[in-house]
Amino acid sequence: MAQTALFSEQEEREIDLSTWPRQSQYAMFKDFDSPHFSITTRIDVTAIMKAKHSDGASPFNAMLFCIMQAFNAVPELRTRFRDTNEQPSVIEHNRVHPSVTVPIENDRFAFCEIPYTPDWQAFNENCHSAVTAGKAQTELDEKTASTDYWIFMSCLPWLDFTDMQHPLKGPDDCIPRLAWGKFVPRKDLSDATASNQESWDVAVNLTAHHALVDGIHMAQFFQNLEENCRNFS
């Protein structure tokens, strides 16, 4: 399946700034020197690990699917601003896609763009194809500079972290960043009858531009992600 076929289905709508309900928030934070904010929390991924053991599902692909479901469910996280010919505009994408880091030789990484689709089997196939091609790269090459329908993501499977600071191009960089870490086994202390059952969780960090995204939208994202991961099968 050609990736370009799915990316070509992209649609966007321009937001009328004069009637946009969050125009004042946009105007307030757009020109801040440091307009980004970040939240890190833990997400239960027990269902994803169960799917790995029962069906052989890739935890990376499954987590990425749950994450992208959550992103696409929140319009503010699909919104971008642009300055075209010195005329500012704000647009909302109908769908956003992951651009993730994948390991290559000599402990380096490369970028990998994966078409998102809400169908798990199709997305899983997209992941396998894109990651295989991504790992064959020999240099770091950015292929997303001309488009902004991305979520930039990293997975750190070696580290259980408590916070994350992402590199950003500057105050006008409005593409969200997300990172998740090592899946960590833990005991479920909330249920005494399940004291011997192993469960898993992971740290997830999200960074976004405050001109487009508020705390309530991050909360909606994490609530969606929590539900997606809990119900994954």
Protein backbone atom coordinates (compact mmCIF):
# COMPACT_ATOMS: atom_id res chain seq x y z
CA MET A 1 0.00 0.00 0.00
CA ALA A 2 1.41 3.39 -0.97
CA GLN A 3 1.72 5.77 1.94
CA THR A 4 1.09 8.77 -0.32
CA ALA A 5 -2.41 7.48 -1.04
CA LEU A 6 -3.43 7.98 2.56
CA PHE A 7 -1.57 11.25 3.01
CA SER A 8 -3.31 12.59 -0.11
CA GLU A 9 -6.66 12.31 1.68
CA GLN A 10 -5.66 15.25 3.87
CA GLU A 11 -8.18 18.04 4.21
CA GLU A 12 -7.99 21.25 6.17
CA ARG A 13 -10.29 24.11 6.97
CA GLU A 14 -9.25 27.66 7.72
CA ILE A 15 -10.57 29.04 10.99
CA ASP A 16 -12.18 32.49 10.96
CA LEU A 17 -10.17 34.30 13.60
CA SER A 18 -12.87 36.95 14.05
CA THR A 19 -15.40 34.37 15.28
CA TRP A 20 -13.03 31.78 16.78
CA PRO A 21 -13.99 31.23 20.45
CA ARG A 22 -10.35 31.01 21.56
CA GLN A 23 -9.12 34.02 19.58
CA SER A 24 -8.13 35.86 22.76
CA GLN A 25 -6.04 32.90 23.98
CA TYR A 26 -4.38 32.73 20.59
CA ALA A 27 -3.62 36.45 20.62
CA MET A 28 -2.29 36.26 24.17
CA PHE A 29 0.16 33.38 23.75
CA LYS A 30 1.07 33.53 20.04
CA ASP A 31 3.99 35.93 20.54
CA PHE A 32 5.33 34.67 23.86
CA ASP A 33 9.06 33.93 23.83
CA SER A 34 8.34 30.58 25.47
CA PRO A 35 4.73 29.63 24.59
CA HIS A 36 4.95 25.86 24.96
CA PHE A 37 3.82 23.83 27.96
CA SER A 38 4.24 20.22 28.87
CA ILE A 39 2.53 17.56 30.99
CA THR A 40 3.80 14.10 31.90
CA THR A 41 1.60 11.40 33.41
CA ARG A 42 1.45 7.63 33.69
CA ILE A 43 -0.82 5.45 31.58
CA ASP A 44 -1.89 1.87 32.28
CA VAL A 45 -0.80 -0.34 29.36
CA THR A 46 -1.72 -3.73 30.83
CA ALA A 47 -4.14 -4.50 27.99
CA ILE A 48 -1.43 -3.78 25.41
CA MET A 49 0.96 -6.19 27.14
CA LYS A 50 -1.79 -8.83 27.30
CA ALA A 51 -2.34 -8.41 23.55
CA LYS A 52 1.39 -8.91 23.02
CA HIS A 53 1.33 -12.23 24.88
CA SER A 54 -1.98 -13.47 23.41
CA ASP A 55 -1.83 -12.21 19.83
CA GLY A 56 1.79 -11.18 19.30
CA ALA A 57 0.79 -7.53 18.87
CA SER A 58 3.73 -5.12 18.81
CA PRO A 59 3.58 -2.93 21.95
CA PHE A 60 5.14 -0.08 19.94
CA ASN A 61 2.53 -0.27 17.18
CA ALA A 62 -0.32 -0.72 19.67
CA MET A 63 0.78 2.22 21.82
CA LEU A 64 1.21 4.40 18.74
CA PHE A 65 -2.28 3.48 17.57
CA CYS A 66 -3.83 4.37 20.94
CA ILE A 67 -1.90 7.66 20.97
CA MET A 68 -3.00 8.65 17.49
CA GLN A 69 -6.62 7.80 18.25
CA ALA A 70 -6.37 10.19 21.20
CA PHE A 71 -4.75 12.97 19.18
CA ASN A 72 -7.31 12.80 16.41
CA ALA A 73 -10.18 12.94 18.91
CA VAL A 74 -9.15 16.44 20.10
CA PRO A 75 -9.58 19.15 17.40
CA GLU A 76 -7.20 21.57 19.13
CA LEU A 77 -4.37 19.06 18.71
CA ARG A 78 -5.09 18.95 14.97
CA THR A 79 -4.91 22.76 14.72
CA ARG A 80 -1.91 24.68 13.38
CA PHE A 81 -1.11 28.32 12.72
CA ARG A 82 0.82 29.65 9.75
CA ASP A 83 2.21 32.98 8.59
CA THR A 84 1.76 33.07 4.83
CA ASN A 85 2.89 36.26 3.09
CA GLU A 86 2.85 37.92 6.51
CA GLN A 87 -0.86 37.07 6.84
CA PRO A 88 -1.48 34.86 9.88
CA SER A 89 -3.90 31.99 9.48
CA VAL A 90 -5.10 29.12 11.66
CA ILE A 91 -6.18 25.82 10.15
CA GLU A 92 -7.62 22.56 11.43
CA HIS A 93 -6.60 19.28 9.81
CA ASN A 94 -9.12 16.49 9.38
CA ARG A 95 -6.45 14.00 10.45
CA VAL A 96 -2.93 14.07 11.85
CA HIS A 97 -0.23 11.41 11.48
CA PRO A 98 2.78 10.27 13.50
CA SER A 99 6.35 11.08 12.59
CA VAL A 100 8.41 8.91 14.92
CA THR A 101 12.06 8.18 15.56
CA VAL A 102 13.40 4.72 14.71
CA PRO A 103 16.84 3.30 15.54
CA ILE A 104 19.52 2.94 12.88
CA GLU A 105 23.12 1.75 13.02
CA ASN A 106 25.71 3.17 15.41
CA ASP A 107 23.15 4.10 18.08
CA ARG A 108 21.62 6.79 15.89
CA PHE A 109 18.04 7.42 14.85
CA ALA A 110 16.09 8.42 11.76
CA PHE A 111 12.61 9.78 11.17
CA CYS A 112 9.73 7.59 10.04
CA GLU A 113 6.35 8.88 8.80
CA ILE A 114 3.38 6.56 9.24
CA PRO A 115 -0.09 7.09 7.72
CA TYR A 116 -2.70 7.01 10.48
CA THR A 117 -5.98 5.23 9.93
CA PRO A 118 -8.56 4.44 12.64
CA ASP A 119 -8.58 0.78 11.58
CA TRP A 120 -6.10 -1.11 13.80
CA GLN A 121 -5.21 -3.85 11.32
CA ALA A 122 -4.53 -1.35 8.53
CA PHE A 123 -2.53 0.91 10.84
CA ASN A 124 -0.52 -2.04 12.10
CA GLU A 125 0.40 -2.90 8.50
CA ASN A 126 1.34 0.74 7.86
CA CYS A 127 3.61 0.65 10.90
CA HIS A 128 5.39 -2.52 9.85
CA SER A 129 6.04 -1.19 6.33
CA ALA A 130 7.09 2.31 7.38
CA VAL A 131 9.30 1.24 10.29
CA THR A 132 11.07 -1.38 8.16
CA ALA A 133 11.81 1.27 5.53
CA GLY A 134 12.75 3.79 8.21
CA LYS A 135 15.32 1.51 9.80
CA ALA A 136 17.02 1.05 6.42
CA GLN A 137 17.99 4.73 6.34
CA THR A 138 21.63 5.61 6.90
CA GLU A 139 21.31 9.33 7.75
CA LEU A 140 18.91 11.64 9.55
CA ASP A 141 16.76 13.32 6.91
CA GLU A 142 13.75 15.54 7.62
CA LYS A 143 10.92 14.93 5.14
CA THR A 144 8.11 16.80 6.91
CA ALA A 145 9.23 20.44 6.56
CA SER A 146 6.66 21.32 3.88
CA THR A 147 3.65 19.95 5.78
CA ASP A 148 2.28 20.34 9.30
CA TYR A 149 -0.21 17.49 9.69
CA TRP A 150 2.20 15.65 11.97
CA ILE A 151 2.71 14.73 15.59
CA PHE A 152 6.45 14.43 16.30
CA MET A 153 7.11 11.47 18.61
CA SER A 154 9.86 9.52 20.30
CA CYS A 155 9.84 6.26 22.21
CA LEU A 156 12.48 5.70 24.91
CA PRO A 157 12.05 2.00 25.74
CA TRP A 158 15.20 1.98 27.89
CA LEU A 159 14.07 4.67 30.35
CA ASP A 160 11.22 5.22 32.81
CA PHE A 161 11.24 9.01 33.00
CA THR A 162 9.31 11.59 35.03
CA ASP A 163 9.54 14.57 32.68
CA MET A 164 10.71 15.49 29.19
CA GLN A 165 11.89 18.61 27.39
CA HIS A 166 11.69 18.48 23.60
CA PRO A 167 13.82 20.40 21.11
CA LEU A 168 11.70 23.05 19.37
CA LYS A 169 12.55 25.21 16.38
CA GLY A 170 11.31 28.37 18.09
CA PRO A 171 8.22 30.07 19.50
CA ASP A 172 6.27 29.56 16.24
CA ASP A 173 6.76 25.79 16.26
CA CYS A 174 3.17 24.63 16.79
CA ILE A 175 3.46 20.90 16.02
CA PRO A 176 2.85 18.88 19.21
CA ARG A 177 5.57 16.61 20.58
CA LEU A 178 5.01 13.39 22.47
CA ALA A 179 7.33 10.87 24.09
CA TRP A 180 6.69 7.65 25.93
CA GLY A 181 9.12 5.56 27.90
CA LYS A 182 9.71 2.06 29.20
CA PHE A 183 6.76 -0.20 29.99
CA VAL A 184 7.13 -0.88 33.71
CA PRO A 185 5.54 -3.81 35.58
CA ARG A 186 3.79 -2.95 38.84
CA LYS A 187 1.45 -4.52 41.36
CA ASP A 188 -2.18 -3.40 41.26
CA LEU A 189 -2.67 -2.25 44.84
CA SER A 190 -6.21 -0.98 44.21
CA ASP A 191 -7.65 -4.49 44.32
CA ALA A 192 -6.57 -6.85 47.08
CA THR A 193 -7.91 -9.85 45.16
CA ALA A 194 -5.59 -9.01 42.28
CA SER A 195 -2.46 -8.63 44.39
CA ASN A 196 -0.65 -11.34 42.47
CA GLN A 197 -1.64 -10.09 39.03
CA GLU A 198 0.98 -8.09 37.20
CA SER A 199 0.00 -4.86 35.51
CA TRP A 200 2.02 -2.41 33.46
CA ASP A 201 2.22 1.34 33.05
CA VAL A 202 4.31 3.88 31.13
CA ALA A 203 5.26 7.53 31.35
CA VAL A 204 3.81 9.70 28.57
CA ASN A 205 4.81 13.31 27.96
CA LEU A 206 2.95 15.78 25.74
CA THR A 207 4.20 19.24 24.74
CA ALA A 208 2.00 21.72 22.86
CA HIS A 209 1.73 25.39 21.92
CA HIS A 210 -0.43 27.36 24.34
CA ALA A 211 -1.81 29.59 21.56
CA LEU A 212 -3.67 26.53 20.25
CA VAL A 213 -3.97 24.16 23.19
CA ASP A 214 -5.01 24.63 26.83
CA GLY A 215 -4.79 22.37 29.85
CA ILE A 216 -8.33 21.08 29.31
CA HIS A 217 -7.37 19.83 25.85
CA MET A 218 -4.33 18.02 27.25
CA ALA A 219 -6.60 16.48 29.88
CA GLN A 220 -8.99 15.32 27.15
CA PHE A 221 -6.07 13.78 25.28
CA PHE A 222 -4.80 11.87 28.31
CA GLN A 223 -8.31 10.72 29.23
CA ASN A 224 -8.79 9.42 25.68
CA LEU A 225 -5.39 7.75 25.72
CA GLU A 226 -6.08 6.09 29.05
CA GLU A 227 -9.37 4.70 27.73
CA ASN A 228 -7.82 3.58 24.42
CA CYS A 229 -5.02 1.72 26.19
CA ARG A 230 -7.41 0.15 28.72
CA ASN A 231 -9.69 -1.15 25.95
CA PHE A 232 -7.03 -2.24 23.45
CA SER A 233 -7.38 -5.83 22.32
